[in-house]
Amino acid sequence: MDLLDTKIRKILALTAALAYLTFLVLYMLPASPLRDAVLSPMLLPAKFLGLEEKWNVYPTLPNSNTRVYAYVTYADGSSIIVELWEPDRMEPSQRFRYQKIIKLFHTYATKPASDLIWRDICKYVVRTHKFSMTTNPVTVALILRWSQIPPPDKFVKTADVPPRTSSLTLCTYHVQPEDIVL
């Protein structure tokens, strides 16, 4: 009985490996009606198992001229500006570690239609940045800053990009007591 059990396991493992390799080969082939017909029954289980990957899984650093800052105001009236996920100011190891959140943040949070996640970003700022031990934050404002992009015919080095002079307040969040984690 044990020998039969081992053979069945080997057959099942080989079948799963062959199915996976077949899926990979078909997925990498150029689109065609035959490929799509053979691949379509495999797509749902592959998506369920997380085997389908897109290029945005491996994000590139944002190439935009926009930045989002958090302006934190305290109960005593003092304030601080927090730069959120600035890839050009991070160490390479930090940039690699936070690459996906940087991509997510710069892709979605800088758009005016992203108001659903702005409150969560403000809560994240309050919970992760240990600003002051004597006074608590009262409000967090997310501010989008940008500058005009130079025309395509004029090459500009990164160091010579114009400063971000235009700004827009995306949201102002009033900090709740449960947002402050000690």
Foldseek 3Di string as FASTA:
>chain_A
DVVVVVVVVVVVVVVVVVVLVVLVVLVPDPDDPVSCVVNVVVVVVCVVVVNDDDPCVPPDADPAQKFKWKWWAWPVGDIDIHGPPDLVPDDPVVCVVCVNVNCVCVVQVLDLVNLVCPQVVQLVCQAPDPDDPPTHTFKIWMKMFGDDADDPVDDDDPVRTDDGDDMDTSDMDGDDPVSHDD
